[in-house]
C-alpha atoms as a PDB file:
ATOM      1  CA  UNK A   1     180.507 232.071  41.558  1.00  0.00           C
ATOM      2  CA  UNK A   2     180.614 234.941  44.107  1.00  0.00           C
ATOM      3  CA  UNK A   3     183.898 236.268  45.409  1.00  0.00           C
ATOM      4  CA  UNK A   4     183.775 236.392  49.114  1.00  0.00           C
ATOM      5  CA  UNK A   5     187.100 238.442  49.310  1.00  0.00           C
ATOM      6  CA  UNK A   6     185.878 241.392  47.315  1.00  0.00           C
ATOM      7  CA  UNK A   7     185.509 244.411  49.399  1.00  0.00           C
ATOM      8  CA  UNK A   8     181.692 245.450  50.281  1.00  0.00           C
ATOM      9  CA  UNK A   9     181.794 248.709  48.217  1.00  0.00           C
ATOM     10  CA  UNK A  10     182.514 246.794  45.000  1.00  0.00           C
ATOM     11  CA  UNK A  11     178.983 245.069  45.124  1.00  0.00           C
ATOM     12  CA  UNK A  12     176.599 246.830  42.940  1.00  0.00           C
ATOM     13  CA  UNK A  13     173.000 247.287  44.479  1.00  0.00           C
ATOM     14  CA  UNK A  14     170.112 245.710  42.884  1.00  0.00           C
ATOM     15  CA  UNK A  15     168.107 247.595  40.241  1.00  0.00           C
ATOM     16  CA  UNK A  16     165.086 249.279  41.490  1.00  0.00           C
ATOM     17  CA  UNK A  17     161.812 247.677  40.911  1.00  0.00           C
ATOM     18  CA  UNK A  18     159.907 249.112  37.962  1.00  0.00           C
ATOM     19  CA  UNK A  19     157.406 251.535  39.241  1.00  0.00           C
ATOM     20  CA  UNK A  20     154.595 249.921  37.143  1.00  0.00           C
ATOM     21  CA  UNK A  21     155.120 246.435  38.871  1.00  0.00           C
ATOM     22  CA  UNK A  22     155.062 248.006  42.085  1.00  0.00           C
ATOM     23  CA  UNK A  23     152.111 249.661  41.561  1.00  0.00           C
ATOM     24  CA  UNK A  24     150.235 246.631  40.305  1.00  0.00           C
ATOM     25  CA  UNK A  25     150.970 244.895  43.589  1.00  0.00           C
ATOM     26  CA  UNK A  26     150.124 247.669  45.844  1.00  0.00           C
ATOM     27  CA  UNK A  27     146.685 248.908  44.091  1.00  0.00           C
ATOM     28  CA  UNK A  28     144.722 245.907  45.565  1.00  0.00           C
ATOM     29  CA  UNK A  29     140.991 245.711  45.107  1.00  0.00           C
ATOM     30  CA  UNK A  30     139.245 247.890  47.652  1.00  0.00           C
ATOM     31  CA  UNK A  31     137.399 245.873  50.324  1.00  0.00           C
ATOM     32  CA  UNK A  32     133.640 245.597  50.196  1.00  0.00           C
ATOM     33  CA  UNK A  33     131.995 246.811  53.672  1.00  0.00           C
ATOM     34  CA  UNK A  34     129.063 244.708  54.903  1.00  0.00           C
ATOM     35  CA  UNK A  35     126.389 245.156  52.616  1.00  0.00           C
ATOM     36  CA  UNK A  36     123.590 245.049  55.259  1.00  0.00           C
ATOM     37  CA  UNK A  37     122.306 248.822  54.218  1.00  0.00           C
ATOM     38  CA  UNK A  38     122.386 247.939  50.443  1.00  0.00           C
ATOM     39  CA  UNK A  39     120.553 244.567  50.948  1.00  0.00           C
ATOM     40  CA  UNK A  40     117.670 246.166  53.036  1.00  0.00           C
ATOM     41  CA  UNK A  41     117.348 248.958  50.541  1.00  0.00           C
ATOM     42  CA  UNK A  42     117.308 246.412  47.682  1.00  0.00           C
ATOM     43  CA  UNK A  43     114.712 244.323  49.600  1.00  0.00           C
ATOM     44  CA  UNK A  44     112.573 247.467  50.099  1.00  0.00           C
ATOM     45  CA  UNK A  45     112.742 248.471  46.257  1.00  0.00           C
ATOM     46  CA  UNK A  46     111.695 244.807  45.468  1.00  0.00           C
ATOM     47  CA  UNK A  47     108.692 245.416  47.673  1.00  0.00           C
ATOM     48  CA  UNK A  48     107.873 248.810  46.468  1.00  0.00           C
ATOM     49  CA  UNK A  49     107.933 247.764  42.637  1.00  0.00           C
ATOM     50  CA  UNK A  50     105.995 244.456  43.196  1.00  0.00           C
ATOM     51  CA  UNK A  51     103.459 246.745  44.976  1.00  0.00           C
ATOM     52  CA  UNK A  52     103.293 249.285  42.204  1.00  0.00           C
ATOM     53  CA  UNK A  53     103.039 246.497  39.511  1.00  0.00           C
ATOM     54  CA  UNK A  54     100.092 244.945  41.631  1.00  0.00           C
ATOM     55  CA  UNK A  55      98.308 248.033  41.170  1.00  0.00           C
ATOM     56  CA  UNK A  56      98.619 247.460  37.342  1.00  0.00           C
ATOM     57  CA  UNK A  57      97.060 244.284  37.639  1.00  0.00           C
ATOM     58  CA  UNK A  58      93.233 243.815  37.040  1.00  0.00           C
ATOM     59  CA  UNK A  59      91.701 243.289  40.180  1.00  0.00           C
ATOM     60  CA  UNK A  60      94.692 241.888  41.919  1.00  0.00           C
ATOM     61  CA  UNK A  61      95.410 242.595  45.667  1.00  0.00           C
ATOM     62  CA  UNK A  62      98.303 240.323  45.971  1.00  0.00           C
ATOM     63  CA  UNK A  63     101.814 241.933  45.537  1.00  0.00           C
ATOM     64  CA  UNK A  64     102.876 238.696  43.553  1.00  0.00           C
ATOM     65  CA  UNK A  65     100.805 239.889  40.845  1.00  0.00           C
ATOM     66  CA  UNK A  66     103.224 242.693  40.244  1.00  0.00           C
ATOM     67  CA  UNK A  67     105.934 240.498  38.789  1.00  0.00           C
ATOM     68  CA  UNK A  68     105.509 241.152  35.012  1.00  0.00           C
ATOM     69  CA  UNK A  69     106.356 244.890  36.005  1.00  0.00           C
ATOM     70  CA  UNK A  70     108.987 244.588  38.909  1.00  0.00           C
ATOM     71  CA  UNK A  71     110.919 241.764  37.484  1.00  0.00           C
ATOM     72  CA  UNK A  72     111.916 243.360  34.072  1.00  0.00           C
ATOM     73  CA  UNK A  73     112.367 246.685  35.769  1.00  0.00           C
ATOM     74  CA  UNK A  74     114.749 245.306  38.503  1.00  0.00           C
ATOM     75  CA  UNK A  75     116.553 243.479  35.955  1.00  0.00           C
ATOM     76  CA  UNK A  76     117.199 246.707  34.079  1.00  0.00           C
ATOM     77  CA  UNK A  77     118.238 248.547  37.256  1.00  0.00           C
ATOM     78  CA  UNK A  78     120.412 245.477  38.626  1.00  0.00           C
ATOM     79  CA  UNK A  79     122.141 245.475  35.128  1.00  0.00           C
ATOM     80  CA  UNK A  80     122.789 249.195  34.854  1.00  0.00           C
ATOM     81  CA  UNK A  81     124.419 249.340  38.400  1.00  0.00           C
ATOM     82  CA  UNK A  82     126.474 246.020  37.857  1.00  0.00           C
ATOM     83  CA  UNK A  83     127.884 247.702  34.824  1.00  0.00           C
ATOM     84  CA  UNK A  84     129.210 250.642  36.810  1.00  0.00           C
ATOM     85  CA  UNK A  85     130.395 248.464  39.683  1.00  0.00           C
ATOM     86  CA  UNK A  86     132.214 245.830  37.871  1.00  0.00           C
ATOM     87  CA  UNK A  87     134.047 248.406  35.678  1.00  0.00           C
ATOM     88  CA  UNK A  88     134.988 250.274  39.132  1.00  0.00           C
ATOM     89  CA  UNK A  89     136.365 246.980  40.309  1.00  0.00           C
ATOM     90  CA  UNK A  90     138.279 246.364  37.203  1.00  0.00           C
ATOM     91  CA  UNK A  91     140.104 249.898  37.443  1.00  0.00           C
ATOM     92  CA  UNK A  92     140.555 249.512  41.332  1.00  0.00           C
ATOM     93  CA  UNK A  93     138.299 252.341  42.105  1.00  0.00           C
ATOM     94  CA  UNK A  94     136.977 252.241  45.644  1.00  0.00           C
ATOM     95  CA  UNK A  95     133.048 251.943  44.942  1.00  0.00           C
ATOM     96  CA  UNK A  96     130.302 250.761  47.166  1.00  0.00           C
ATOM     97  CA  UNK A  97     127.757 248.366  46.110  1.00  0.00           C
ATOM     98  CA  UNK A  98     124.488 250.091  44.759  1.00  0.00           C
ATOM     99  CA  UNK A  99     122.176 251.772  47.078  1.00  0.00           C
ATOM    100  CA  UNK A 100     118.570 251.141  45.716  1.00  0.00           C
ATOM    101  CA  UNK A 101     116.011 253.764  46.481  1.00  0.00           C
ATOM    102  CA  UNK A 102     112.554 252.417  47.065  1.00  0.00           C
ATOM    103  CA  UNK A 103     109.316 254.782  46.341  1.00  0.00           C
ATOM    104  CA  UNK A 104     106.173 252.968  47.038  1.00  0.00           C
ATOM    105  CA  UNK A 105     104.154 255.137  44.932  1.00  0.00           C
ATOM    106  CA  UNK A 106     102.772 254.663  41.406  1.00  0.00           C
ATOM    107  CA  UNK A 107     103.415 254.625  38.595  1.00  0.00           C
ATOM    108  CA  UNK A 108     107.098 253.722  39.035  1.00  0.00           C
ATOM    109  CA  UNK A 109     107.925 252.427  42.445  1.00  0.00           C
ATOM    110  CA  UNK A 110     111.530 253.297  42.681  1.00  0.00           C
ATOM    111  CA  UNK A 111     113.978 256.194  42.135  1.00  0.00           C
ATOM    112  CA  UNK A 112     116.769 253.885  40.864  1.00  0.00           C
ATOM    113  CA  UNK A 113     120.031 253.475  42.521  1.00  0.00           C
ATOM    114  CA  UNK A 114     123.242 255.176  43.353  1.00  0.00           C
ATOM    115  CA  UNK A 115     126.762 254.138  43.766  1.00  0.00           C
ATOM    116  CA  UNK A 116     129.206 255.965  45.923  1.00  0.00           C
ATOM    117  CA  UNK A 117     132.657 256.049  44.626  1.00  0.00           C
ATOM    118  CA  UNK A 118     135.394 257.131  47.163  1.00  0.00           C
ATOM    119  CA  UNK A 119     138.472 256.297  45.097  1.00  0.00           C
ATOM    120  CA  UNK A 120     139.744 258.697  42.267  1.00  0.00           C
ATOM    121  CA  UNK A 121     139.478 257.947  38.629  1.00  0.00           C
ATOM    122  CA  UNK A 122     142.893 258.339  37.155  1.00  0.00           C
ATOM    123  CA  UNK A 123     142.438 257.991  33.576  1.00  0.00           C
ATOM    124  CA  UNK A 124     140.038 259.329  30.764  1.00  0.00           C
ATOM    125  CA  UNK A 125     139.474 255.673  29.770  1.00  0.00           C
ATOM    126  CA  UNK A 126     138.631 254.566  32.899  1.00  0.00           C
ATOM    127  CA  UNK A 127     136.259 257.417  33.742  1.00  0.00           C
ATOM    128  CA  UNK A 128     134.510 256.605  30.263  1.00  0.00           C
ATOM    129  CA  UNK A 129     134.324 252.946  30.918  1.00  0.00           C
ATOM    130  CA  UNK A 130     132.803 253.426  34.372  1.00  0.00           C
ATOM    131  CA  UNK A 131     130.393 256.156  33.495  1.00  0.00           C
ATOM    132  CA  UNK A 132     129.111 254.620  30.162  1.00  0.00           C
ATOM    133  CA  UNK A 133     128.992 250.907  31.169  1.00  0.00           C
ATOM    134  CA  UNK A 134     125.728 251.414  33.340  1.00  0.00           C
ATOM    135  CA  UNK A 135     123.455 253.029  30.839  1.00  0.00           C
ATOM    136  CA  UNK A 136     124.697 250.914  27.763  1.00  0.00           C
ATOM    137  CA  UNK A 137     124.330 247.753  29.933  1.00  0.00           C
ATOM    138  CA  UNK A 138     120.751 248.762  31.024  1.00  0.00           C
ATOM    139  CA  UNK A 139     119.656 249.712  27.612  1.00  0.00           C
ATOM    140  CA  UNK A 140     121.008 246.142  26.430  1.00  0.00           C
ATOM    141  CA  UNK A 141     118.205 244.876  28.752  1.00  0.00           C
ATOM    142  CA  UNK A 142     115.709 247.541  28.201  1.00  0.00           C
ATOM    143  CA  UNK A 143     115.541 247.622  24.502  1.00  0.00           C
ATOM    144  CA  UNK A 144     115.117 243.914  23.629  1.00  0.00           C
ATOM    145  CA  UNK A 145     112.446 243.983  26.536  1.00  0.00           C
ATOM    146  CA  UNK A 146     110.622 246.806  25.108  1.00  0.00           C
ATOM    147  CA  UNK A 147     110.628 245.166  21.489  1.00  0.00           C
ATOM    148  CA  UNK A 148     109.287 241.927  22.787  1.00  0.00           C
ATOM    149  CA  UNK A 149     106.622 243.263  25.158  1.00  0.00           C
ATOM    150  CA  UNK A 150     105.185 245.927  22.833  1.00  0.00           C
ATOM    151  CA  UNK A 151     103.734 242.998  21.000  1.00  0.00           C
ATOM    152  CA  UNK A 152     101.654 242.222  24.135  1.00  0.00           C
ATOM    153  CA  UNK A 153     100.468 245.773  24.058  1.00  0.00           C
ATOM    154  CA  UNK A 154      97.191 246.305  22.477  1.00  0.00           C
ATOM    155  CA  UNK A 155      96.542 249.498  20.262  1.00  0.00           C
ATOM    156  CA  UNK A 156      93.329 250.845  21.527  1.00  0.00           C
ATOM    157  CA  UNK A 157      91.300 254.243  21.218  1.00  0.00           C
ATOM    158  CA  UNK A 158      92.705 256.673  23.686  1.00  0.00           C
ATOM    159  CA  UNK A 159      90.710 257.041  26.839  1.00  0.00           C
ATOM    160  CA  UNK A 160      89.106 260.041  28.066  1.00  0.00           C
ATOM    161  CA  UNK A 161      91.284 259.992  31.224  1.00  0.00           C
ATOM    162  CA  UNK A 162      94.629 258.319  31.349  1.00  0.00           C
ATOM    163  CA  UNK A 163      98.241 258.825  32.229  1.00  0.00           C
ATOM    164  CA  UNK A 164     100.394 259.517  29.061  1.00  0.00           C
ATOM    165  CA  UNK A 165     103.977 257.864  28.997  1.00  0.00           C
ATOM    166  CA  UNK A 166     106.599 260.351  27.533  1.00  0.00           C
ATOM    167  CA  UNK A 167     107.634 260.144  23.949  1.00  0.00           C
ATOM    168  CA  UNK A 168     111.213 259.886  22.787  1.00  0.00           C
ATOM    169  CA  UNK A 169     112.641 259.463  19.204  1.00  0.00           C
ATOM    170  CA  UNK A 170     114.070 255.999  20.124  1.00  0.00           C
ATOM    171  CA  UNK A 171     110.649 255.025  21.628  1.00  0.00           C
ATOM    172  CA  UNK A 172     108.636 256.411  18.895  1.00  0.00           C
ATOM    173  CA  UNK A 173     110.993 254.501  16.406  1.00  0.00           C
ATOM    174  CA  UNK A 174     110.351 251.353  18.209  1.00  0.00           C
ATOM    175  CA  UNK A 175     106.617 251.582  18.416  1.00  0.00           C
ATOM    176  CA  UNK A 176     106.706 252.282  14.586  1.00  0.00           C
ATOM    177  CA  UNK A 177     109.022 249.347  13.801  1.00  0.00           C
ATOM    178  CA  UNK A 178     107.009 246.700  16.192  1.00  0.00           C
ATOM    179  CA  UNK A 179     103.494 247.755  15.770  1.00  0.00           C
ATOM    180  CA  UNK A 180     103.464 249.709  12.392  1.00  0.00           C
ATOM    181  CA  UNK A 181     101.468 253.080  11.676  1.00  0.00           C
ATOM    182  CA  UNK A 182      99.046 253.919  14.675  1.00  0.00           C
ATOM    183  CA  UNK A 183      95.804 255.625  13.614  1.00  0.00           C
ATOM    184  CA  UNK A 184      95.046 259.184  14.793  1.00  0.00           C
ATOM    185  CA  UNK A 185      92.902 258.706  18.231  1.00  0.00           C
ATOM    186  CA  UNK A 186      94.573 255.619  19.069  1.00  0.00           C
ATOM    187  CA  UNK A 187      97.737 254.428  21.130  1.00  0.00           C
ATOM    188  CA  UNK A 188      99.537 251.665  22.427  1.00  0.00           C
ATOM    189  CA  UNK A 189      98.349 250.378  25.892  1.00  0.00           C
ATOM    190  CA  UNK A 190     101.317 249.366  27.538  1.00  0.00           C
ATOM    191  CA  UNK A 191     101.745 245.910  29.037  1.00  0.00           C
ATOM    192  CA  UNK A 192     103.363 246.168  32.401  1.00  0.00           C
ATOM    193  CA  UNK A 193     106.480 244.674  31.115  1.00  0.00           C
ATOM    194  CA  UNK A 194     106.484 247.182  28.178  1.00  0.00           C
ATOM    195  CA  UNK A 195     105.956 249.884  30.924  1.00  0.00           C
ATOM    196  CA  UNK A 196     108.926 248.616  32.968  1.00  0.00           C
ATOM    197  CA  UNK A 197     111.225 248.688  29.685  1.00  0.00           C
ATOM    198  CA  UNK A 198     109.822 252.352  29.069  1.00  0.00           C
ATOM    199  CA  UNK A 199     110.899 253.187  32.900  1.00  0.00           C
ATOM    200  CA  UNK A 200     114.175 251.800  31.937  1.00  0.00           C
ATOM    201  CA  UNK A 201     114.460 254.280  28.894  1.00  0.00           C
ATOM    202  CA  UNK A 202     113.452 257.133  30.964  1.00  0.00           C
ATOM    203  CA  UNK A 203     115.877 256.449  33.924  1.00  0.00           C
ATOM    204  CA  UNK A 204     118.653 256.219  31.424  1.00  0.00           C
ATOM    205  CA  UNK A 205     117.729 259.477  30.081  1.00  0.00           C
ATOM    206  CA  UNK A 206     118.051 261.073  33.365  1.00  0.00           C
ATOM    207  CA  UNK A 207     121.489 259.388  33.998  1.00  0.00           C
ATOM    208  CA  UNK A 208     122.880 260.599  30.830  1.00  0.00           C
ATOM    209  CA  UNK A 209     122.015 264.296  31.406  1.00  0.00           C
ATOM    210  CA  UNK A 210     125.667 265.677  30.541  1.00  0.00           C
ATOM    211  CA  UNK A 211     125.940 267.405  34.229  1.00  0.00           C
ATOM    212  CA  UNK A 212     128.147 266.979  37.062  1.00  0.00           C
ATOM    213  CA  UNK A 213     128.877 263.528  37.968  1.00  0.00           C
ATOM    214  CA  UNK A 214     125.768 261.998  36.405  1.00  0.00           C
ATOM    215  CA  UNK A 215     126.729 259.181  34.067  1.00  0.00           C
ATOM    216  CA  UNK A 216     126.376 261.706  31.325  1.00  0.00           C
ATOM    217  CA  UNK A 217     128.581 264.106  32.966  1.00  0.00           C
ATOM    218  CA  UNK A 218     131.426 261.280  33.225  1.00  0.00           C
ATOM    219  CA  UNK A 219     131.163 260.474  29.562  1.00  0.00           C
ATOM    220  CA  UNK A 220     131.262 264.245  28.521  1.00  0.00           C
ATOM    221  CA  UNK A 221     134.127 264.945  30.704  1.00  0.00           C
ATOM    222  CA  UNK A 222     136.239 261.891  29.270  1.00  0.00           C
ATOM    223  CA  UNK A 223     135.483 263.553  25.851  1.00  0.00           C
ATOM    224  CA  UNK A 224     135.957 267.205  26.498  1.00  0.00           C
ATOM    225  CA  UNK A 225     137.925 267.398  29.607  1.00  0.00           C
ATOM    226  CA  UNK A 226     137.838 270.706  31.699  1.00  0.00           C
ATOM    227  CA  UNK A 227     135.715 272.412  28.975  1.00  0.00           C
ATOM    228  CA  UNK A 228     132.733 269.905  30.316  1.00  0.00           C
ATOM    229  CA  UNK A 229     132.667 271.715  33.517  1.00  0.00           C
ATOM    230  CA  UNK A 230     131.162 275.163  31.804  1.00  0.00           C
ATOM    231  CA  UNK A 231     129.194 273.168  29.426  1.00  0.00           C
ATOM    232  CA  UNK A 232     127.812 271.194  32.283  1.00  0.00           C
ATOM    233  CA  UNK A 233     126.544 274.655  33.918  1.00  0.00           C
ATOM    234  CA  UNK A 234     124.955 275.546  30.700  1.00  0.00           C
ATOM    235  CA  UNK A 235     122.867 272.314  30.378  1.00  0.00           C
ATOM    236  CA  UNK A 236     122.158 272.459  34.127  1.00  0.00           C
ATOM    237  CA  UNK A 237     120.431 276.124  33.338  1.00  0.00           C
ATOM    238  CA  UNK A 238     118.713 274.797  30.314  1.00  0.00           C
ATOM    239  CA  UNK A 239     116.624 272.335  32.354  1.00  0.00           C
ATOM    240  CA  UNK A 240     114.905 275.754  33.464  1.00  0.00           C
ATOM    241  CA  UNK A 241     114.281 276.506  29.796  1.00  0.00           C
ATOM    242  CA  UNK A 242     112.876 273.134  29.389  1.00  0.00           C
ATOM    243  CA  UNK A 243     110.584 273.562  32.337  1.00  0.00           C
ATOM    244  CA  UNK A 244     109.176 276.721  31.120  1.00  0.00           C
ATOM    245  CA  UNK A 245     108.617 275.524  27.498  1.00  0.00           C
ATOM    246  CA  UNK A 246     106.980 272.587  28.613  1.00  0.00           C
ATOM    247  CA  UNK A 247     104.662 274.506  30.656  1.00  0.00           C
ATOM    248  CA  UNK A 248     103.894 277.125  27.671  1.00  0.00           C
ATOM    249  CA  UNK A 249     103.325 274.603  25.361  1.00  0.00           C
ATOM    250  CA  UNK A 250     100.700 272.595  27.628  1.00  0.00           C
ATOM    251  CA  UNK A 251      98.893 275.579  28.530  1.00  0.00           C
ATOM    252  CA  UNK A 252      98.690 276.505  24.802  1.00  0.00           C
ATOM    253  CA  UNK A 253      97.120 273.198  24.173  1.00  0.00           C
ATOM    254  CA  UNK A 254      94.627 273.591  26.988  1.00  0.00           C
ATOM    255  CA  UNK A 255      93.749 277.106  25.474  1.00  0.00           C
ATOM    256  CA  UNK A 256      93.314 275.602  21.932  1.00  0.00           C
ATOM    257  CA  UNK A 257      91.208 272.848  23.519  1.00  0.00           C
ATOM    258  CA  UNK A 258      89.035 275.656  25.257  1.00  0.00           C
ATOM    259  CA  UNK A 259      89.700 273.962  28.669  1.00  0.00           C
ATOM    260  CA  UNK A 260      88.797 275.828  31.884  1.00  0.00           C
ATOM    261  CA  UNK A 261      91.162 278.536  33.205  1.00  0.00           C
ATOM    262  CA  UNK A 262      92.009 276.123  36.147  1.00  0.00           C
ATOM    263  CA  UNK A 263      93.074 273.507  33.777  1.00  0.00           C
ATOM    264  CA  UNK A 264      95.133 275.999  31.835  1.00  0.00           C
ATOM    265  CA  UNK A 265      96.653 277.153  34.963  1.00  0.00           C
ATOM    266  CA  UNK A 266      97.434 273.760  36.079  1.00  0.00           C
ATOM    267  CA  UNK A 267      99.136 272.968  32.616  1.00  0.00           C
ATOM    268  CA  UNK A 268     101.606 275.602  33.368  1.00  0.00           C
ATOM    269  CA  UNK A 269     103.095 273.491  35.947  1.00  0.00           C
ATOM    270  CA  UNK A 270     103.505 270.687  33.552  1.00  0.00           C
ATOM    271  CA  UNK A 271     107.433 271.337  33.580  1.00  0.00           C
ATOM    272  CA  UNK A 272     107.636 271.062  37.586  1.00  0.00           C
ATOM    273  CA  UNK A 273     109.449 267.772  37.263  1.00  0.00           C
ATOM    274  CA  UNK A 274     112.372 269.513  35.405  1.00  0.00           C
ATOM    275  CA  UNK A 275     112.483 272.114  38.230  1.00  0.00           C
ATOM    276  CA  UNK A 276     112.824 269.388  40.863  1.00  0.00           C
ATOM    277  CA  UNK A 277     115.651 267.831  38.664  1.00  0.00           C
ATOM    278  CA  UNK A 278     117.210 271.112  38.318  1.00  0.00           C
ATOM    279  CA  UNK A 279     117.090 271.648  42.354  1.00  0.00           C
ATOM    280  CA  UNK A 280     118.608 267.994  42.804  1.00  0.00           C
ATOM    281  CA  UNK A 281     121.306 268.768  40.584  1.00  0.00           C
ATOM    282  CA  UNK A 282     122.117 272.134  41.964  1.00  0.00           C
ATOM    283  CA  UNK A 283     122.457 270.278  45.528  1.00  0.00           C
ATOM    284  CA  UNK A 284     124.718 267.651  43.868  1.00  0.00           C
ATOM    285  CA  UNK A 285     126.831 270.233  42.018  1.00  0.00           C
ATOM    286  CA  UNK A 286     127.311 272.994  44.731  1.00  0.00           C
ATOM    287  CA  UNK A 287     130.713 274.178  46.423  1.00  0.00           C
ATOM    288  CA  UNK A 288     133.616 271.740  45.974  1.00  0.00           C
ATOM    289  CA  UNK A 289     131.552 269.370  43.890  1.00  0.00           C
ATOM    290  CA  UNK A 290     130.969 272.036  41.353  1.00  0.00           C
ATOM    291  CA  UNK A 291     133.942 270.833  39.062  1.00  0.00           C
ATOM    292  CA  UNK A 292     134.293 267.522  37.676  1.00  0.00           C
ATOM    293  CA  UNK A 293     137.240 265.660  39.432  1.00  0.00           C
ATOM    294  CA  UNK A 294     140.470 265.913  36.927  1.00  0.00           C
ATOM    295  CA  UNK A 295     142.144 262.808  35.528  1.00  0.00           C
ATOM    296  CA  UNK A 296     145.909 262.283  35.342  1.00  0.00           C
ATOM    297  CA  UNK A 297     145.530 260.918  31.904  1.00  0.00           C
ATOM    298  CA  UNK A 298     144.186 263.295  29.451  1.00  0.00           C
ATOM    299  CA  UNK A 299     143.841 260.886  26.487  1.00  0.00           C
ATOM    300  CA  UNK A 300     140.712 258.946  25.329  1.00  0.00           C
ATOM    301  CA  UNK A 301     141.237 255.917  23.033  1.00  0.00           C
ATOM    302  CA  UNK A 302     139.951 256.382  19.689  1.00  0.00           C
ATOM    303  CA  UNK A 303     137.206 253.539  19.928  1.00  0.00           C
ATOM    304  CA  UNK A 304     135.759 255.025  23.235  1.00  0.00           C
ATOM    305  CA  UNK A 305     135.787 258.559  21.608  1.00  0.00           C
ATOM    306  CA  UNK A 306     133.652 257.232  19.062  1.00  0.00           C
ATOM    307  CA  UNK A 307     131.248 255.506  21.593  1.00  0.00           C
ATOM    308  CA  UNK A 308     131.258 258.468  23.818  1.00  0.00           C
ATOM    309  CA  UNK A 309     129.874 260.507  20.896  1.00  0.00           C
ATOM    310  CA  UNK A 310     127.394 257.757  20.183  1.00  0.00           C
ATOM    311  CA  UNK A 311     126.352 257.846  23.847  1.00  0.00           C
ATOM    312  CA  UNK A 312     125.771 261.612  23.727  1.00  0.00           C
ATOM    313  CA  UNK A 313     123.678 260.999  20.700  1.00  0.00           C
ATOM    314  CA  UNK A 314     121.719 258.367  22.572  1.00  0.00           C
ATOM    315  CA  UNK A 315     121.023 261.015  25.260  1.00  0.00           C
ATOM    316  CA  UNK A 316     119.240 263.041  22.284  1.00  0.00           C
ATOM    317  CA  UNK A 317     117.299 260.043  21.291  1.00  0.00           C
ATOM    318  CA  UNK A 318     116.031 259.170  24.772  1.00  0.00           C
ATOM    319  CA  UNK A 319     115.434 262.715  25.768  1.00  0.00           C
ATOM    320  CA  UNK A 320     111.429 263.192  27.001  1.00  0.00           C
ATOM    321  CA  UNK A 321     110.456 266.753  27.402  1.00  0.00           C
ATOM    322  CA  UNK A 322     107.172 265.734  29.097  1.00  0.00           C
ATOM    323  CA  UNK A 323     108.019 262.264  30.744  1.00  0.00           C
ATOM    324  CA  UNK A 324     104.558 261.656  32.285  1.00  0.00           C
ATOM    325  CA  UNK A 325     101.354 263.536  31.781  1.00  0.00           C
ATOM    326  CA  UNK A 326      97.810 263.218  32.644  1.00  0.00           C
ATOM    327  CA  UNK A 327      94.661 263.750  30.360  1.00  0.00           C
END
């Protein structure tokens, strides 16, 4: 029973509300803006991938014939981006819906997608979860698709003129497991679905480069902290070395095959794609974006630390020095 006659200064104030409980109530999920631009870009990407897929169909002018390539590729890309977005929502990070980038040109039809994150990622655990969830989710779709669709891809003599897909250690291993040894002078002629799965591997490799705020940069920063800023600069410069080595290797191949000097000179430009990627990353990491945004919590849980190392190893297994080439 309260004592109504007690003097006011004898009443004790209510204990302060615990800070964690207060933060839980005030850190609401960020509002999602009207997704009209996201929707239009996604529809344009559907059209561009169906168009490119239709160019692979024998004698087919209808874009609907491009579904064996477009549908699996879109499934990989959407799963990748949803992995990021759902984890960002989980940690109350203000992130946009994916912006897909159409590119109505063979052989891929898209440049993937990006998510804009305006909120700050406060812990290394959250940074790792948001950064790694996209590549791992996308690969969870791409690898089974590749295993299944390689069985639909015939092994045939290598034609005189063709576009060669890049070879990474993981891709070579899956080809060996599914198709067995491939004789010299022969190669697998990828079914459109198998090529879509290969594109999934290729785009995951690009995202896992441990530079800046790419997915691989997030994973590496969660693992190494501020030391990653210096390592990121060296990896970025290393892309120039890759471009030079690829050009020298392909030109040496052309010389050994007694190709005309014009083709030897053209082979020197084989690493041009890495020069383009170097320039894009330079634009993304200049000025105030040169250093990765820090986190408040400097610890990474043991399980995430192990998965982070595995994710960096995965980048090595996916690395393709020559992603696409023509002979």
